[in-house]
Amino acid sequence: MDLSFLGSPHEYDPRRNYSVSHSDWQERVNFDRLRKERLQRAREKMEQFDLGALILFKGENVRYVTSVFQGNWKNNIFIRYAVLPRGGDPVLFETVGSDLECAKIDAPWLKGKIRPAMTWKWAEGAEDMMVKKMAKGVLEVLKENGVEKEKIGIDIMDIKAYEALKDSGLNLVNCWPAMSAARIIKTIDEIELLKISSAYGDAAMWKIKNEWLKPGVKESYITAKVNEFLYEEGFDFVYDIIVASGGNTNPYRRWHTDRLIRYGDLVIVDLNAIGPGGYFVDFVRCFKVGDNWTQAEKDLYKEVYDSLYAGIAAMKPGNTTKDVAEKFNKYVDDEYGSVSLQQFAHSIGLSLYEGMWISRAYSLDYPAEIKQNMAFAIETFAGKPGLKQTTRLEEDIIITDKGAQLLTLAPHQAGFEKYRTQF
């Protein structure tokens, strides 16, 4: 396409987001290309890691290679799975009954390679019998493609499934490195879907600030209104809308309660949801209810804001996760050597946590390369003992050839916009 008029690539401009619906007069999201390119990336990483096949139980991995989605409730409970053999097409094992019939209708690109899943979990005394039926079905696919003697990758562990597959003679290895390597680099259509989800997230934050948030409403009310808005707009799943107000901001309570929001409260809203094309938005804004910010509150906001944007500025191809982690303020990640999930960055996509995390707990000593077309949510926090309430922020970004580009554009508090013009 001739994009000389735009002066920059469409895919990296968050204000040039398409509708998620198809049209005859504009390319928009090309879902056929999305399906093919995701599958091709999985195949390439299988070759790189020398895997004869992938056995996938994790819902987002199943969706990545088969492009079938039947509700978030089915993810990661071992009732459906997929097999991708080297040189062959993916085979989906779908829950029997209506789910199986819907998959046949919805996914013609699978060319009929949809088989009944054997659900062994929660089968009590029948568990051993059922899990053997599952393993037999998987082995049949591997034999049909002549890869049963090769290394076979499996993504998540269920001890009964692992034992049954091992008893079938399979050489099982961890396929998470291969799937993570495939998924953390986004295709052009994945980037477009991330932009679309972010646009809805921005709209939800505007509605929170200007329509719903006021003294006398409950945290649960804000959570309910965001759920209503996003589901009305066609979101696949609203993962979690965390609303913490007043004293619930320190220590930060990462779930909503029925607490009544009071005049003068700080309110942290963390929006996590899967957009209409299957891709996450995950970002945070902090609001002051009904009153002006005190100087102490402004100082806390500045601490979080400055750390956040210093980290974003370090997120560019050729840098490493160490360069980003160094910009985070010291926190309990340093004290305990573990990730707090409050002062860190994580890749996003089909999953809230797609593959790579950045934390002072380990990134300073074990740096990983940041590459073009990675997508991250990066978040910072200013919680300390003795504070009555505190602040937290988060942004979604895509890594371009030049550096980080913001995907979330909801405004910050007045006076805290100086860095955003860079992104």
Protein backbone atom coordinates (compact mmCIF):
# COMPACT_ATOMS: atom_id res chain seq x y z
CA MET A 1 0.00 0.00 0.00
CA ASP A 2 1.12 3.56 -0.71
CA LEU A 3 1.21 5.21 2.72
CA SER A 4 3.38 8.18 1.75
CA PHE A 5 0.52 10.58 2.55
CA LEU A 6 0.38 9.32 6.15
CA GLY A 7 4.12 9.72 6.64
CA SER A 8 4.28 6.69 8.95
CA PRO A 9 3.01 3.11 9.04
CA HIS A 10 -0.70 2.73 9.71
CA GLU A 11 -0.20 -0.15 12.14
CA TYR A 12 1.73 1.94 14.68
CA ASP A 13 -0.69 4.87 14.77
CA PRO A 14 -3.25 4.37 17.57
CA ARG A 15 -5.53 7.03 16.07
CA ARG A 16 -5.79 5.08 12.80
CA ASN A 17 -7.72 2.13 14.16
CA TYR A 18 -10.19 0.32 11.93
CA SER A 19 -13.58 -1.09 12.76
CA VAL A 20 -13.41 -4.75 13.70
CA SER A 21 -16.17 -5.57 11.19
CA HIS A 22 -15.43 -6.53 7.57
CA SER A 23 -16.10 -4.30 4.57
CA ASP A 24 -15.74 -4.57 0.80
CA TRP A 25 -14.20 -1.08 0.46
CA GLN A 26 -11.41 -1.26 3.08
CA GLU A 27 -8.93 -3.91 4.14
CA ARG A 28 -9.33 -3.49 7.92
CA VAL A 29 -8.47 -6.56 10.01
CA ASN A 30 -7.81 -9.45 7.65
CA PHE A 31 -8.83 -12.42 9.77
CA ASP A 32 -7.88 -14.96 7.13
CA ARG A 33 -4.36 -13.51 7.06
CA LEU A 34 -4.35 -13.44 10.88
CA ARG A 35 -5.18 -17.15 11.07
CA LYS A 36 -2.57 -18.12 8.50
CA GLU A 37 0.22 -15.98 9.93
CA ARG A 38 -0.31 -17.15 13.50
CA LEU A 39 -0.26 -20.77 12.39
CA GLN A 40 2.86 -20.16 10.31
CA ARG A 41 4.65 -18.58 13.27
CA ALA A 42 3.82 -21.61 15.42
CA ARG A 43 5.16 -23.91 12.71
CA GLU A 44 8.37 -21.90 12.39
CA LYS A 45 9.02 -22.08 16.12
CA MET A 46 8.33 -25.82 16.12
CA GLU A 47 11.13 -26.17 13.57
CA GLN A 48 13.42 -23.86 15.51
CA PHE A 49 12.96 -25.89 18.69
CA ASP A 50 12.99 -29.22 16.80
CA LEU A 51 9.55 -30.39 17.86
CA GLY A 52 7.64 -33.08 15.99
CA ALA A 53 4.30 -31.80 17.27
CA LEU A 54 2.59 -29.55 19.79
CA ILE A 55 -0.05 -30.80 22.21
CA LEU A 56 -1.91 -27.72 23.40
CA PHE A 57 -4.26 -27.57 26.37
CA LYS A 58 -3.99 -23.87 27.18
CA GLY A 59 -6.99 -22.08 25.69
CA GLU A 60 -5.05 -19.18 24.20
CA ASN A 61 -2.60 -21.56 22.53
CA VAL A 62 -5.49 -23.57 21.12
CA ARG A 63 -6.98 -20.35 19.73
CA TYR A 64 -3.61 -19.23 18.34
CA VAL A 65 -3.20 -22.31 16.12
CA THR A 66 -6.86 -23.19 15.40
CA SER A 67 -8.58 -19.77 15.61
CA VAL A 68 -11.52 -21.35 17.46
CA PHE A 69 -13.00 -19.60 20.49
CA GLN A 70 -16.02 -20.85 22.42
CA GLY A 71 -16.05 -18.69 25.52
CA ASN A 72 -13.48 -17.97 28.19
CA TRP A 73 -15.00 -20.51 30.58
CA LYS A 74 -13.52 -23.36 28.52
CA ASN A 75 -9.95 -22.09 28.69
CA ASN A 76 -7.40 -24.00 30.74
CA ILE A 77 -9.66 -26.60 32.37
CA PHE A 78 -8.50 -29.54 30.22
CA ILE A 79 -11.80 -30.23 28.48
CA ARG A 80 -10.54 -29.39 24.96
CA TYR A 81 -7.16 -29.47 23.28
CA ALA A 82 -5.39 -29.32 19.93
CA VAL A 83 -2.50 -31.09 18.21
CA LEU A 84 -0.27 -29.44 15.62
CA PRO A 85 1.98 -32.04 13.91
CA ARG A 86 5.10 -31.13 11.97
CA GLY A 87 4.16 -30.74 8.31
CA GLY A 88 0.46 -31.26 9.02
CA ASP A 89 -2.65 -29.26 9.78
CA PRO A 90 -3.89 -28.58 13.31
CA VAL A 91 -6.43 -30.98 14.74
CA LEU A 92 -8.91 -29.62 17.26
CA PHE A 93 -10.36 -31.93 19.90
CA GLU A 94 -13.58 -30.15 20.87
CA THR A 95 -16.09 -30.87 23.61
CA VAL A 96 -18.76 -33.25 22.31
CA GLY A 97 -22.33 -32.18 21.65
CA SER A 98 -23.28 -28.67 20.63
CA ASP A 99 -19.70 -27.38 21.03
CA LEU A 100 -18.39 -29.89 18.51
CA GLU A 101 -21.13 -29.05 16.02
CA CYS A 102 -20.56 -25.30 16.44
CA ALA A 103 -16.85 -25.77 15.73
CA LYS A 104 -17.64 -27.63 12.52
CA ILE A 105 -19.91 -24.79 11.41
CA ASP A 106 -17.69 -21.92 12.57
CA ALA A 107 -14.22 -23.04 11.44
CA PRO A 108 -14.13 -24.22 7.80
CA TRP A 109 -10.41 -23.41 7.69
CA LEU A 110 -9.78 -26.50 9.84
CA LYS A 111 -10.90 -28.61 6.85
CA GLY A 112 -13.01 -30.88 9.02
CA LYS A 113 -10.09 -31.81 11.31
CA ILE A 114 -12.22 -31.57 14.42
CA ARG A 115 -12.54 -34.60 16.66
CA PRO A 116 -14.35 -35.34 19.92
CA ALA A 117 -12.41 -34.38 23.05
CA MET A 118 -12.13 -36.86 25.89
CA THR A 119 -12.74 -35.07 29.18
CA TRP A 120 -11.00 -36.93 31.99
CA LYS A 121 -10.91 -34.32 34.75
CA TRP A 122 -13.40 -34.74 37.60
CA ALA A 123 -14.31 -38.23 36.39
CA GLU A 124 -13.66 -39.77 39.83
CA GLY A 125 -13.14 -43.52 39.41
CA ALA A 126 -13.31 -43.21 35.60
CA GLU A 127 -10.42 -40.74 35.38
CA ASP A 128 -7.76 -43.32 34.43
CA MET A 129 -9.97 -44.83 31.75
CA MET A 130 -10.92 -41.46 30.27
CA VAL A 131 -7.40 -40.03 30.22
CA LYS A 132 -6.18 -43.10 28.33
CA LYS A 133 -8.84 -42.42 25.70
CA MET A 134 -7.52 -38.86 25.42
CA ALA A 135 -3.94 -40.08 24.98
CA LYS A 136 -5.03 -42.65 22.39
CA GLY A 137 -6.71 -39.95 20.29
CA VAL A 138 -3.62 -37.73 20.44
CA LEU A 139 -1.36 -40.64 19.51
CA GLU A 140 -3.52 -41.40 16.49
CA VAL A 141 -2.92 -37.90 15.12
CA LEU A 142 0.82 -38.18 15.71
CA LYS A 143 1.00 -41.57 13.97
CA GLU A 144 -1.08 -40.34 11.03
CA ASN A 145 1.58 -37.68 10.51
CA GLY A 146 4.56 -39.93 11.25
CA VAL A 147 5.93 -37.86 14.13
CA GLU A 148 5.22 -40.07 17.13
CA LYS A 149 8.93 -40.86 17.63
CA GLU A 150 10.02 -37.22 17.66
CA LYS A 151 10.12 -34.76 20.56
CA ILE A 152 6.54 -33.76 21.34
CA GLY A 153 5.91 -30.42 23.04
CA ILE A 154 3.21 -30.01 25.68
CA ASP A 155 2.23 -26.57 26.98
CA ILE A 156 0.70 -26.97 30.46
CA MET A 157 0.77 -29.79 32.94
CA ASP A 158 -1.91 -32.11 34.24
CA ILE A 159 -0.25 -35.02 35.98
CA LYS A 160 -2.77 -37.61 34.74
CA ALA A 161 -2.49 -36.39 31.14
CA TYR A 162 1.30 -36.33 31.34
CA GLU A 163 1.45 -39.88 32.68
CA ALA A 164 -0.99 -41.18 30.07
CA LEU A 165 0.90 -39.55 27.20
CA LYS A 166 4.24 -40.80 28.55
CA ASP A 167 2.79 -44.31 28.90
CA SER A 168 1.90 -44.07 25.20
CA GLY A 169 5.61 -43.94 24.46
CA LEU A 170 5.86 -40.24 23.71
CA ASN A 171 9.00 -38.19 24.32
CA LEU A 172 7.38 -35.19 25.98
CA VAL A 173 9.17 -31.86 26.34
CA ASN A 174 8.15 -28.34 27.32
CA CYS A 175 6.74 -26.42 24.34
CA TRP A 176 6.21 -23.16 26.21
CA PRO A 177 9.46 -21.61 24.89
CA ALA A 178 8.32 -22.29 21.32
CA MET A 179 4.79 -20.97 21.78
CA SER A 180 5.99 -17.95 23.75
CA ALA A 181 8.52 -17.10 21.03
CA ALA A 182 5.75 -17.31 18.43
CA ARG A 183 3.21 -15.24 20.30
CA ILE A 184 5.25 -12.36 21.72
CA ILE A 185 6.00 -10.98 18.23
CA LYS A 186 2.75 -9.60 16.83
CA THR A 187 1.50 -9.72 13.25
CA ILE A 188 0.02 -6.64 11.58
CA ASP A 189 -3.53 -7.83 12.31
CA GLU A 190 -2.75 -8.60 15.94
CA ILE A 191 -1.46 -5.04 16.34
CA GLU A 192 -4.65 -3.70 14.78
CA LEU A 193 -6.79 -5.71 17.20
CA LEU A 194 -4.74 -4.46 20.16
CA LYS A 195 -5.38 -0.89 18.95
CA ILE A 196 -9.12 -1.55 18.69
CA SER A 197 -9.29 -2.99 22.22
CA SER A 198 -7.31 -0.01 23.54
CA ALA A 199 -9.74 2.42 21.91
CA TYR A 200 -12.64 0.85 23.79
CA GLY A 201 -10.56 0.91 26.97
CA ASP A 202 -9.98 4.64 26.56
CA ALA A 203 -13.72 5.16 26.10
CA ALA A 204 -14.46 3.21 29.28
CA MET A 205 -12.00 5.36 31.26
CA TRP A 206 -13.67 8.53 29.94
CA LYS A 207 -17.05 7.26 31.03
CA ILE A 208 -15.69 6.38 34.47
CA LYS A 209 -14.29 9.87 34.96
CA ASN A 210 -17.13 11.87 33.44
CA GLU A 211 -20.29 9.79 33.91
CA TRP A 212 -20.04 7.15 36.61
CA LEU A 213 -17.49 8.15 39.27
CA LYS A 214 -18.86 10.34 42.06
CA PRO A 215 -19.14 10.34 45.85
CA GLY A 216 -21.75 7.87 47.01
CA VAL A 217 -21.33 5.13 44.38
CA LYS A 218 -19.69 1.83 45.24
CA GLU A 219 -16.57 0.27 43.79
CA SER A 220 -18.79 -2.56 42.56
CA TYR A 221 -20.94 -0.03 40.66
CA ILE A 222 -17.95 1.14 38.60
CA THR A 223 -16.99 -2.48 37.89
CA ALA A 224 -20.57 -3.24 36.80
CA LYS A 225 -20.83 -0.21 34.51
CA VAL A 226 -17.55 -1.03 32.72
CA ASN A 227 -18.67 -4.64 32.27
CA GLU A 228 -21.98 -3.46 30.82
CA PHE A 229 -20.30 -1.04 28.40
CA LEU A 230 -17.68 -3.46 27.10
CA TYR A 231 -20.07 -6.38 26.65
CA GLU A 232 -22.50 -4.10 24.81
CA GLU A 233 -19.62 -3.22 22.47
CA GLY A 234 -18.98 -6.88 21.65
CA PHE A 235 -16.02 -7.77 23.88
CA ASP A 236 -15.20 -11.47 24.06
CA PHE A 237 -14.69 -11.42 27.81
CA VAL A 238 -14.26 -8.88 30.58
CA TYR A 239 -11.46 -10.46 32.55
CA ASP A 240 -11.40 -8.18 35.58
CA ILE A 241 -12.21 -4.57 36.39
CA ILE A 242 -10.26 -3.75 39.53
CA VAL A 243 -11.58 -0.73 41.43
CA ALA A 244 -9.77 0.30 44.62
CA SER A 245 -10.73 3.49 46.44
CA GLY A 246 -9.57 5.38 49.51
CA GLY A 247 -7.94 3.05 52.02
CA ASN A 248 -8.26 0.17 49.57
CA THR A 249 -5.49 1.78 47.49
CA ASN A 250 -2.83 1.18 50.20
CA PRO A 251 -2.20 -1.67 50.62
CA TYR A 252 -3.59 -1.96 47.12
CA ARG A 253 -6.61 -4.27 47.11
CA ARG A 254 -6.69 -5.77 43.60
CA TRP A 255 -10.36 -6.58 43.43
CA HIS A 256 -13.50 -4.51 43.83
CA THR A 257 -15.59 -4.46 47.01
CA ASP A 258 -18.94 -2.87 47.85
CA ARG A 259 -17.14 -0.02 49.61
CA LEU A 260 -18.85 3.35 49.22
CA ILE A 261 -16.59 5.83 47.44
CA ARG A 262 -16.20 9.03 49.47
CA TYR A 263 -15.53 12.68 48.67
CA GLY A 264 -11.76 13.18 48.39
CA ASP A 265 -10.95 9.52 47.65
CA LEU A 266 -8.29 8.46 45.22
CA VAL A 267 -9.67 5.71 42.98
CA ILE A 268 -7.47 3.28 41.03
CA VAL A 269 -9.17 1.52 38.10
CA ASP A 270 -7.36 -1.37 36.38
CA LEU A 271 -9.19 -2.45 33.24
CA ASN A 272 -8.50 -5.98 31.92
CA ALA A 273 -10.65 -7.22 29.04
CA ILE A 274 -10.56 -9.18 25.78
CA GLY A 275 -11.75 -7.13 22.82
CA PRO A 276 -14.10 -8.22 20.02
CA GLY A 277 -11.21 -9.68 18.01
CA GLY A 278 -9.72 -11.62 20.91
CA TYR A 279 -6.94 -9.28 22.07
CA PHE A 280 -6.42 -7.73 25.49
CA VAL A 281 -6.48 -4.19 26.77
CA ASP A 282 -4.94 -3.81 30.23
CA PHE A 283 -4.23 -0.38 31.68
CA VAL A 284 -4.71 1.76 34.78
CA ARG A 285 -5.79 5.29 35.61
CA CYS A 286 -6.04 7.00 38.99
CA PHE A 287 -8.76 9.55 39.73
CA LYS A 288 -9.51 12.03 42.52
CA VAL A 289 -13.17 12.18 43.50
CA GLY A 290 -14.86 15.53 44.00
CA ASP A 291 -11.87 17.45 45.33
CA ASN A 292 -8.53 18.91 44.28
CA TRP A 293 -5.33 16.93 44.51
CA THR A 294 -3.22 17.66 47.58
CA GLN A 295 0.49 18.30 47.10
CA ALA A 296 1.33 14.97 48.73
CA GLU A 297 -0.99 13.16 46.31
CA LYS A 298 0.53 15.01 43.36
CA ASP A 299 3.99 13.92 44.52
CA LEU A 300 2.87 10.27 44.62
CA TYR A 301 1.31 10.59 41.16
CA LYS A 302 4.53 12.13 39.84
CA GLU A 303 6.59 9.29 41.31
CA VAL A 304 4.46 6.71 39.52
CA TYR A 305 4.20 8.73 36.30
CA ASP A 306 7.92 9.49 36.00
CA SER A 307 8.91 5.86 36.61
CA LEU A 308 6.31 4.62 34.12
CA TYR A 309 7.42 6.88 31.30
CA ALA A 310 11.10 6.33 31.97
CA GLY A 311 10.43 2.62 31.55
CA ILE A 312 8.47 3.22 28.35
CA ALA A 313 11.29 5.34 26.93
CA ALA A 314 13.69 2.41 27.48
CA MET A 315 11.47 -0.02 25.56
CA LYS A 316 13.02 -0.03 22.10
CA PRO A 317 14.54 -2.65 19.82
CA GLY A 318 18.10 -3.45 20.79
CA ASN A 319 17.56 -2.63 24.44
CA THR A 320 16.97 -5.36 26.99
CA THR A 321 14.58 -5.95 29.82
CA LYS A 322 17.38 -4.84 32.16
CA ASP A 323 17.27 -1.36 30.62
CA VAL A 324 13.56 -1.18 31.48
CA ALA A 325 13.77 -2.70 34.96
CA GLU A 326 16.43 -0.17 35.94
CA LYS A 327 13.83 2.57 35.47
CA PHE A 328 11.43 1.07 38.00
CA ASN A 329 11.70 2.31 41.56
CA LYS A 330 12.98 -0.19 44.10
CA TYR A 331 10.11 -2.16 45.54
CA VAL A 332 9.31 -5.53 47.10
CA ASP A 333 10.46 -7.21 43.88
CA ASP A 334 13.97 -6.30 45.10
CA GLU A 335 13.29 -7.25 48.71
CA TYR A 336 11.85 -10.70 48.06
CA GLY A 337 13.37 -11.51 44.67
CA SER A 338 9.90 -12.24 43.29
CA VAL A 339 7.45 -10.40 41.06
CA SER A 340 4.87 -8.21 42.79
CA LEU A 341 2.94 -7.60 39.53
CA GLN A 342 2.74 -3.96 40.59
CA GLN A 343 6.07 -2.54 39.39
CA PHE A 344 6.71 -4.47 36.18
CA ALA A 345 5.85 -4.97 32.52
CA HIS A 346 4.26 -7.96 30.81
CA SER A 347 3.59 -8.87 27.20
CA ILE A 348 -0.07 -8.93 26.15
CA GLY A 349 -2.03 -10.40 23.26
CA LEU A 350 -4.51 -13.27 23.31
CA SER A 351 -3.47 -13.66 26.95
CA LEU A 352 -3.16 -11.07 29.68
CA TYR A 353 0.32 -12.50 30.27
CA GLU A 354 1.50 -13.48 26.81
CA GLY A 355 5.06 -14.61 27.43
CA MET A 356 7.64 -12.11 28.73
CA TRP A 357 7.70 -10.35 32.09
CA ILE A 358 10.05 -7.55 33.14
CA SER A 359 10.79 -7.17 36.85
CA ARG A 360 13.60 -6.02 39.11
CA ALA A 361 13.34 -9.49 40.69
CA TYR A 362 15.37 -11.01 37.84
CA SER A 363 15.58 -8.81 34.73
CA LEU A 364 18.60 -6.91 36.07
CA ASP A 365 20.61 -10.15 36.12
CA TYR A 366 18.87 -12.08 33.33
CA PRO A 367 18.21 -9.56 30.55
CA ALA A 368 16.18 -10.51 27.48
CA GLU A 369 16.14 -8.67 24.18
CA ILE A 370 13.27 -6.32 23.31
CA LYS A 371 12.19 -6.73 19.70
CA GLN A 372 10.04 -4.88 17.21
CA ASN A 373 6.31 -5.76 17.27
CA MET A 374 6.32 -6.93 20.87
CA ALA A 375 3.33 -5.62 22.82
CA PHE A 376 3.48 -4.82 26.53
CA ALA A 377 1.47 -3.48 29.42
CA ILE A 378 3.83 -1.57 31.72
CA GLU A 379 2.72 -0.56 35.21
CA THR A 380 4.07 1.27 38.26
CA PHE A 381 2.96 1.83 41.86
CA ALA A 382 3.75 4.06 44.85
CA GLY A 383 2.60 2.10 47.88
CA LYS A 384 4.36 2.68 51.20
CA PRO A 385 3.57 1.93 54.85
CA GLY A 386 1.62 4.69 56.53
CA LEU A 387 -0.01 6.20 53.44
CA LYS A 388 -3.74 6.74 53.76
CA GLN A 389 -4.13 6.23 50.01
CA THR A 390 -1.87 6.06 46.98
CA THR A 391 -1.56 5.95 43.19
CA ARG A 392 -0.93 3.51 40.37
CA LEU A 393 -0.70 3.78 36.55
CA GLU A 394 -0.34 1.51 33.53
CA GLU A 395 -0.09 1.89 29.75
CA ASP A 396 -0.28 -0.48 26.77
CA ILE A 397 2.43 -0.10 24.13
CA ILE A 398 3.70 -1.64 20.91
CA ILE A 399 7.41 -1.72 20.08
CA THR A 400 8.07 -0.08 16.70
CA ASP A 401 11.34 0.12 14.79
CA LYS A 402 12.02 3.40 16.60
CA GLY A 403 10.78 2.62 20.10
CA ALA A 404 7.58 2.42 22.12
CA GLN A 405 4.24 3.66 20.78
CA LEU A 406 1.36 4.17 23.19
CA LEU A 407 -1.82 2.24 22.41
CA THR A 408 -3.79 3.57 25.39
CA LEU A 409 -4.49 7.29 25.07
CA ALA A 410 -6.82 8.08 27.98
CA PRO A 411 -5.57 11.31 29.57
CA HIS A 412 -3.71 11.58 32.83
CA GLN A 413 -4.36 14.19 35.47
CA ALA A 414 -3.76 17.79 34.42
CA GLY A 415 -0.09 18.68 34.51
CA PHE A 416 1.14 15.15 33.80
CA GLU A 417 1.19 15.08 30.00
CA LYS A 418 4.72 16.28 29.31
CA TYR A 419 6.15 12.93 28.21
CA ARG A 420 3.21 11.62 26.22
CA THR A 421 3.98 13.77 23.17
CA GLN A 422 7.09 11.65 22.65
CA PHE A 423 5.09 8.45 22.08
